[in-house]
């Protein structure tokens, strides 16, 4: 159930679909994460949501930003010229390898050779892809990401006084709870590197939004494992998912072959997350409509796109009427910024912000 201030704000929007971001909630959450991780450096993975208003809130709590393209780099450095930036991502272009950075995460021996060829100084973390089981992960970052032992050995022979090895980057999976990430950290920190970036991957449950990652337990264990080394983490979704809402209205309710569908304005070209992850997006219905509808039965919520994949939630038992407002929750990460905005050329959503 959404908070009263979110309900009131959703009902006051001049038009929908629209994104609504709760900046005070984001500020409070980011501050609590900052306290929990203590001396571990906290970077925000900009790929999760690059919205400038969200970044301005996060800037007060994070040590830096992790970017994965020249576009993200330009966006972040224009907003925060003095904030440290870590440049990651596979397939970096020569132009990207020349970008100023605090750290650059090198993905392959060839990428390191191209970095050396720029003649520019660089502080490097080599991204490793160790052969470790990652049970229960929503997504594993294997295959083209990072290097195996042979690739690492090849890189170690290439470093110079100008292109310096600072440590390793180790983002292996997403969707892990604190106990799982702690077990991974215990293994990954069994090395001699003075700097280790453990990446992100903190679990966010769309099925149980009230279940949150245990930052206190994770931060405490990292502090015990740190032993004077420089540790860094790069959460993305786990920082911003909870502050975002996608607000829309039901435009039609219909039954087809025994199943009930509520069609909303907009769709997954605005909020791609449920289609990408295959989950039911949590939502709250505000009874603002007076049209036809159904009461207390399984309903599948879909958008306006000409594809059967345009689904937000499947067979959720609820009541819905034409004209009702639907507030999709947990829409603050991997939502608008990863969506196929121009498919069918529907109007783009508006953006609104709750402030202190």
Protein backbone atom coordinates (compact mmCIF):
# COMPACT_ATOMS: atom_id res chain seq x y z
CA UNK A 1 0.00 0.00 0.00
CA UNK A 2 1.37 3.38 -0.99
CA UNK A 3 1.89 6.21 1.49
CA UNK A 4 -0.75 8.92 1.79
CA UNK A 5 1.56 11.55 0.25
CA UNK A 6 2.07 9.33 -2.82
CA UNK A 7 -1.67 8.79 -3.14
CA UNK A 8 -2.37 12.51 -2.89
CA UNK A 9 0.36 13.37 -5.38
CA UNK A 10 -0.83 10.73 -7.85
CA UNK A 11 -4.38 12.03 -7.69
CA UNK A 12 -3.22 15.60 -8.28
CA UNK A 13 -1.22 14.91 -11.44
CA UNK A 14 -2.48 17.01 -14.36
CA UNK A 15 -2.11 14.13 -16.79
CA UNK A 16 -1.00 10.52 -16.97
CA UNK A 17 0.96 8.44 -17.69
CA UNK A 18 3.56 10.07 -15.49
CA UNK A 19 6.52 9.16 -13.36
CA UNK A 20 6.47 10.33 -9.77
CA UNK A 21 9.69 10.33 -7.76
CA UNK A 22 9.71 10.62 -3.97
CA UNK A 23 12.96 12.53 -3.35
CA UNK A 24 12.68 12.71 0.46
CA UNK A 25 12.27 8.92 0.60
CA UNK A 26 15.31 8.49 -1.63
CA UNK A 27 17.32 10.85 0.56
CA UNK A 28 16.38 8.93 3.71
CA UNK A 29 17.13 5.54 2.14
CA UNK A 30 20.49 6.62 0.71
CA UNK A 31 21.49 8.11 4.06
CA UNK A 32 20.68 4.83 5.83
CA UNK A 33 22.77 2.85 3.34
CA UNK A 34 25.64 5.29 3.75
CA UNK A 35 25.57 4.79 7.53
CA UNK A 36 25.36 1.01 7.22
CA UNK A 37 28.37 0.52 4.94
CA UNK A 38 30.69 2.69 7.03
CA UNK A 39 34.21 2.93 5.63
CA UNK A 40 33.34 0.97 2.49
CA UNK A 41 33.20 3.38 -0.44
CA UNK A 42 29.74 3.78 -1.95
CA UNK A 43 29.37 4.49 -5.67
CA UNK A 44 26.03 4.66 -7.47
CA UNK A 45 25.65 2.66 -10.70
CA UNK A 46 24.15 5.33 -12.96
CA UNK A 47 22.76 2.75 -15.40
CA UNK A 48 19.97 2.00 -12.90
CA UNK A 49 18.46 5.47 -13.32
CA UNK A 50 20.32 8.57 -14.57
CA UNK A 51 17.54 11.04 -13.74
CA UNK A 52 19.28 14.29 -12.79
CA UNK A 53 17.03 15.01 -9.81
CA UNK A 54 17.74 11.58 -8.34
CA UNK A 55 21.47 12.01 -8.92
CA UNK A 56 21.43 15.35 -7.07
CA UNK A 57 19.94 13.63 -4.03
CA UNK A 58 22.36 10.71 -4.20
CA UNK A 59 25.39 12.99 -4.63
CA UNK A 60 25.11 13.98 -0.99
CA UNK A 61 25.53 10.38 0.15
CA UNK A 62 27.78 8.56 -2.33
CA UNK A 63 31.54 8.76 -2.78
CA UNK A 64 31.27 8.68 -6.55
CA UNK A 65 29.40 7.42 -9.60
CA UNK A 66 29.96 4.38 -11.80
CA UNK A 67 29.27 5.05 -15.49
CA UNK A 68 29.33 2.64 -18.41
CA UNK A 69 29.41 4.82 -21.51
CA UNK A 70 30.60 8.14 -22.84
CA UNK A 71 27.02 9.41 -22.62
CA UNK A 72 26.69 8.57 -18.94
CA UNK A 73 30.13 10.07 -18.31
CA UNK A 74 29.15 13.37 -19.99
CA UNK A 75 25.85 13.47 -18.11
CA UNK A 76 27.37 12.88 -14.67
CA UNK A 77 30.45 15.07 -15.05
CA UNK A 78 28.31 17.98 -16.28
CA UNK A 79 26.22 17.72 -13.12
CA UNK A 80 29.08 17.01 -10.69
CA UNK A 81 32.43 18.13 -12.13
CA UNK A 82 34.38 17.32 -8.97
CA UNK A 83 32.76 13.97 -8.07
CA UNK A 84 34.89 10.83 -8.64
CA UNK A 85 33.80 8.74 -11.62
CA UNK A 86 34.55 5.07 -12.26
CA UNK A 87 34.31 4.08 -15.93
CA UNK A 88 33.13 0.53 -16.58
CA UNK A 89 31.35 -1.52 -19.20
CA UNK A 90 32.48 -3.88 -21.97
CA UNK A 91 33.41 -2.77 -25.47
CA UNK A 92 34.77 0.67 -24.62
CA UNK A 93 35.62 2.80 -27.65
CA UNK A 94 38.96 4.54 -28.04
CA UNK A 95 37.20 7.83 -27.24
CA UNK A 96 35.80 6.37 -24.02
CA UNK A 97 39.21 5.07 -22.99
CA UNK A 98 40.45 8.66 -23.15
CA UNK A 99 37.80 10.00 -20.77
CA UNK A 100 39.02 11.35 -17.40
CA UNK A 101 38.22 9.04 -14.50
CA UNK A 102 39.04 8.16 -10.94
CA UNK A 103 39.13 4.46 -11.83
CA UNK A 104 38.67 2.58 -15.10
CA UNK A 105 37.48 -1.04 -15.07
CA UNK A 106 39.37 -2.92 -17.78
CA UNK A 107 37.48 -5.87 -19.28
CA UNK A 108 40.14 -7.60 -21.40
CA UNK A 109 43.85 -7.67 -22.27
CA UNK A 110 43.07 -6.05 -25.63
CA UNK A 111 41.20 -3.23 -23.91
CA UNK A 112 44.21 -2.68 -21.65
CA UNK A 113 46.52 -2.54 -24.68
CA UNK A 114 44.29 0.10 -26.29
CA UNK A 115 44.29 2.03 -23.04
CA UNK A 116 48.09 1.95 -22.98
CA UNK A 117 48.16 3.15 -26.59
CA UNK A 118 46.40 6.39 -25.62
CA UNK A 119 49.54 7.44 -23.75
CA UNK A 120 47.35 8.81 -20.96
CA UNK A 121 47.77 8.01 -17.28
CA UNK A 122 45.13 5.69 -15.83
CA UNK A 123 44.26 3.98 -12.57
CA UNK A 124 42.94 0.53 -13.40
CA UNK A 125 40.84 -2.14 -11.78
CA UNK A 126 40.90 -5.36 -13.79
CA UNK A 127 37.47 -6.93 -13.95
CA UNK A 128 37.68 -10.59 -13.03
CA UNK A 129 35.25 -13.36 -13.96
CA UNK A 130 36.12 -16.16 -11.52
CA UNK A 131 34.62 -19.62 -11.82
CA UNK A 132 32.41 -19.39 -8.75
CA UNK A 133 28.90 -20.79 -8.25
CA UNK A 134 26.34 -18.03 -7.71
CA UNK A 135 23.18 -19.77 -6.54
CA UNK A 136 19.88 -17.92 -6.41
CA UNK A 137 21.01 -15.02 -8.62
CA UNK A 138 18.44 -13.20 -10.72
CA UNK A 139 21.15 -12.53 -13.31
CA UNK A 140 24.74 -13.76 -13.59
CA UNK A 141 27.35 -11.55 -15.24
CA UNK A 142 29.33 -14.30 -16.92
CA UNK A 143 30.41 -14.79 -20.53
CA UNK A 144 31.74 -11.56 -22.05
CA UNK A 145 32.11 -9.71 -18.76
CA UNK A 146 35.57 -9.52 -17.25
CA UNK A 147 38.44 -11.99 -17.51
CA UNK A 148 39.37 -15.49 -16.47
CA UNK A 149 42.70 -16.37 -14.90
CA UNK A 150 44.50 -16.46 -18.26
CA UNK A 151 43.27 -12.99 -19.19
CA UNK A 152 44.27 -11.60 -15.80
CA UNK A 153 47.77 -13.08 -16.10
CA UNK A 154 48.13 -11.51 -19.54
CA UNK A 155 47.14 -8.11 -18.14
CA UNK A 156 49.50 -8.24 -15.17
CA UNK A 157 52.52 -8.19 -17.49
CA UNK A 158 51.34 -5.02 -19.28
CA UNK A 159 51.07 -2.40 -16.54
CA UNK A 160 53.44 0.58 -16.45
CA UNK A 161 54.17 3.51 -14.19
CA UNK A 162 51.55 5.56 -16.08
CA UNK A 163 48.84 2.92 -16.39
CA UNK A 164 48.71 1.61 -12.86
CA UNK A 165 47.05 -1.50 -11.47
CA UNK A 166 45.05 -0.51 -8.39
CA UNK A 167 43.07 -3.70 -7.80
CA UNK A 168 40.15 -5.77 -9.07
CA UNK A 169 36.47 -5.33 -9.92
CA UNK A 170 34.23 -8.31 -9.20
CA UNK A 171 30.54 -7.78 -10.01
CA UNK A 172 29.32 -11.36 -10.57
CA UNK A 173 25.53 -11.42 -10.20
CA UNK A 174 22.37 -9.51 -9.40
CA UNK A 175 19.47 -10.25 -7.09
CA UNK A 176 21.41 -11.66 -4.12
CA UNK A 177 20.46 -11.20 -0.48
CA UNK A 178 22.94 -10.03 2.14
CA UNK A 179 23.92 -13.55 3.25
CA UNK A 180 24.66 -14.57 -0.34
CA UNK A 181 26.67 -11.43 -1.04
CA UNK A 182 28.58 -11.86 2.21
CA UNK A 183 29.58 -15.39 1.22
CA UNK A 184 30.76 -14.11 -2.15
CA UNK A 185 32.69 -11.28 -0.50
CA UNK A 186 34.45 -13.70 1.84
CA UNK A 187 35.72 -15.63 -1.19
CA UNK A 188 36.48 -12.65 -3.41
CA UNK A 189 38.44 -10.84 -0.70
CA UNK A 190 40.78 -13.78 -0.23
CA UNK A 191 43.52 -12.13 -2.28
CA UNK A 192 46.42 -9.72 -1.98
CA UNK A 193 44.93 -6.76 -3.84
CA UNK A 194 44.87 -3.51 -1.91
CA UNK A 195 41.69 -2.30 -3.63
CA UNK A 196 38.61 -4.41 -4.38
CA UNK A 197 35.35 -3.30 -5.94
CA UNK A 198 32.62 -5.81 -5.08
CA UNK A 199 30.08 -4.32 -7.48
CA UNK A 200 26.36 -4.30 -6.80
CA UNK A 201 23.72 -7.01 -7.15
CA UNK A 202 21.78 -6.36 -3.93
CA UNK A 203 18.39 -8.08 -4.08
CA UNK A 204 15.23 -6.09 -4.70
CA UNK A 205 12.03 -8.12 -4.33
CA UNK A 206 9.14 -7.03 -6.55
CA UNK A 207 7.01 -9.84 -5.09
CA UNK A 208 7.56 -8.63 -1.53
CA UNK A 209 8.43 -4.90 -1.64
CA UNK A 210 8.52 -4.70 2.15
CA UNK A 211 11.45 -7.14 2.17
CA UNK A 212 14.62 -5.05 1.95
CA UNK A 213 18.28 -5.92 1.59
CA UNK A 214 20.00 -6.13 5.00
CA UNK A 215 22.48 -3.29 4.61
CA UNK A 216 23.47 -3.36 8.29
CA UNK A 217 24.57 -7.00 8.18
CA UNK A 218 26.37 -6.55 4.87
CA UNK A 219 28.16 -3.38 5.97
CA UNK A 220 29.26 -4.91 9.26
CA UNK A 221 30.71 -7.98 7.56
CA UNK A 222 32.54 -5.91 4.95
CA UNK A 223 34.11 -3.87 7.74
CA UNK A 224 35.37 -7.08 9.36
CA UNK A 225 36.76 -8.32 6.04
CA UNK A 226 38.31 -5.01 4.99
CA UNK A 227 41.51 -5.28 7.05
CA UNK A 228 42.85 -1.93 5.98
CA UNK A 229 42.11 -2.43 2.30
CA UNK A 230 40.10 -0.10 0.12
CA UNK A 231 36.69 -1.64 -0.52
CA UNK A 232 34.02 -0.25 -2.81
CA UNK A 233 30.47 -1.27 -3.75
CA UNK A 234 28.30 -0.05 -6.64
CA UNK A 235 24.58 -0.52 -5.93
CA UNK A 236 22.09 0.77 -8.46
CA UNK A 237 18.59 -0.73 -8.35
CA UNK A 238 18.76 -1.23 -4.57
CA UNK A 239 19.21 2.51 -4.05
CA UNK A 240 16.57 3.98 -6.36
CA UNK A 241 13.91 1.32 -7.10
CA UNK A 242 11.75 2.21 -4.12
CA UNK A 243 11.45 5.94 -4.77
CA UNK A 244 9.79 5.70 -8.19
CA UNK A 245 6.13 5.33 -9.21
CA UNK A 246 4.52 5.04 -12.64
CA UNK A 247 1.03 6.50 -12.55
CA UNK A 248 -1.57 5.76 -15.21
CA UNK A 249 -5.29 5.13 -15.75
CA UNK A 250 -7.40 2.19 -16.87
CA UNK A 251 -8.86 2.89 -20.31
CA UNK A 252 -10.65 -0.42 -20.84
CA UNK A 253 -11.67 -3.58 -18.97
CA UNK A 254 -12.55 -6.65 -21.03
CA UNK A 255 -12.91 -10.42 -20.91
CA UNK A 256 -11.34 -12.60 -23.57
CA UNK A 257 -11.78 -16.39 -23.49
CA UNK A 258 -12.52 -16.38 -19.81
CA UNK A 259 -9.67 -14.08 -18.76
CA UNK A 260 -10.05 -10.48 -17.60
CA UNK A 261 -7.76 -7.69 -18.80
CA UNK A 262 -7.36 -4.11 -17.66
CA UNK A 263 -5.77 -1.96 -20.35
CA UNK A 264 -3.94 1.10 -19.07
CA UNK A 265 -2.66 4.19 -20.82
CA UNK A 266 1.03 3.83 -21.61
CA UNK A 267 2.75 0.49 -21.30
CA UNK A 268 6.07 -1.27 -21.06
CA UNK A 269 7.54 1.18 -23.58
CA UNK A 270 7.49 3.50 -20.53
CA UNK A 271 8.17 0.90 -17.82
CA UNK A 272 10.00 -2.07 -19.28
CA UNK A 273 10.98 -3.68 -15.97
CA UNK A 274 8.20 -6.30 -15.65
CA UNK A 275 8.55 -7.42 -19.27
CA UNK A 276 12.33 -7.66 -18.92
CA UNK A 277 12.39 -9.53 -15.62
CA UNK A 278 9.18 -11.50 -16.13
CA UNK A 279 7.65 -10.46 -12.82
CA UNK A 280 4.40 -8.86 -11.69
CA UNK A 281 4.92 -5.17 -11.03
CA UNK A 282 3.39 -4.25 -7.65
CA UNK A 283 0.61 -1.68 -7.86
CA UNK A 284 -2.13 0.14 -6.00
CA UNK A 285 -5.48 0.98 -7.55
CA UNK A 286 -7.09 4.29 -6.63
CA UNK A 287 -10.84 4.15 -7.27
CA UNK A 288 -11.23 7.27 -9.39
CA UNK A 289 -13.27 5.76 -12.21
CA UNK A 290 -16.98 5.31 -12.63
CA UNK A 291 -16.98 3.17 -15.71
CA UNK A 292 -17.57 -0.51 -16.25
CA UNK A 293 -15.34 -2.95 -14.48
CA UNK A 294 -15.01 -6.09 -12.40
CA UNK A 295 -14.90 -6.86 -8.69
CA UNK A 296 -12.57 -9.19 -6.85
CA UNK A 297 -11.33 -11.43 -9.63
CA UNK A 298 -7.99 -12.24 -11.30
CA UNK A 299 -7.01 -9.43 -13.67
CA UNK A 300 -4.07 -9.09 -16.04
CA UNK A 301 -2.85 -5.50 -16.45
CA UNK A 302 -1.55 -4.62 -19.92
CA UNK A 303 -0.59 -1.50 -21.85
CA UNK A 304 -1.43 -0.05 -25.25
CA UNK A 305 1.29 -1.71 -27.32
CA UNK A 306 0.55 -4.07 -30.21
CA UNK A 307 2.36 -7.01 -28.63
CA UNK A 308 1.29 -9.70 -26.13
CA UNK A 309 4.49 -8.94 -24.19
CA UNK A 310 3.14 -5.57 -23.03
CA UNK A 311 2.19 -6.93 -19.60
CA UNK A 312 2.64 -5.32 -16.17
CA UNK A 313 1.05 -7.95 -13.92
CA UNK A 314 -0.73 -11.25 -14.54
CA UNK A 315 -3.91 -12.55 -12.92
CA UNK A 316 -3.80 -10.44 -9.77
CA UNK A 317 -7.03 -10.72 -7.78
CA UNK A 318 -8.42 -7.22 -7.36
CA UNK A 319 -11.20 -4.88 -8.51
CA UNK A 320 -10.85 -2.46 -11.40
CA UNK A 321 -13.02 0.01 -13.28
CA UNK A 322 -12.51 2.10 -16.38
CA UNK A 323 -11.08 5.44 -15.22
CA UNK A 324 -9.40 4.09 -12.08
CA UNK A 325 -5.88 5.35 -11.38
CA UNK A 326 -3.16 2.70 -11.18
CA UNK A 327 0.05 3.47 -9.33
CA UNK A 328 2.79 1.00 -10.24
CA UNK A 329 5.34 0.94 -7.43
CA UNK A 330 9.09 0.25 -7.38
CA UNK A 331 9.57 2.08 -10.67
CA UNK A 332 12.73 3.97 -9.74
CA UNK A 333 15.28 1.73 -11.48
CA UNK A 334 15.68 0.14 -14.91
CA UNK A 335 12.34 1.61 -15.90
CA UNK A 336 12.06 4.62 -18.22
CA UNK A 337 15.76 4.63 -19.13
CA UNK A 338 15.75 1.07 -20.53
CA UNK A 339 12.36 1.24 -22.25
CA UNK A 340 11.72 1.27 -26.02
CA UNK A 341 10.21 4.75 -25.93
CA UNK A 342 9.32 5.24 -29.57
CA UNK A 343 7.55 1.97 -30.33
CA UNK A 344 4.10 3.01 -31.71
CA UNK A 345 5.00 6.66 -31.00
CA UNK A 346 2.64 7.07 -28.07
CA UNK A 347 3.09 10.26 -25.97
CA UNK A 348 5.96 10.11 -23.52
CA UNK A 349 5.20 10.29 -19.79
CA UNK A 350 5.55 13.40 -17.69
CA UNK A 351 7.96 13.52 -14.73
CA UNK A 352 7.07 14.91 -11.32
CA UNK A 353 9.01 15.09 -8.07
CA UNK A 354 7.95 15.09 -4.45
CA UNK A 355 10.31 17.35 -2.51
CA UNK A 356 10.85 18.11 1.15
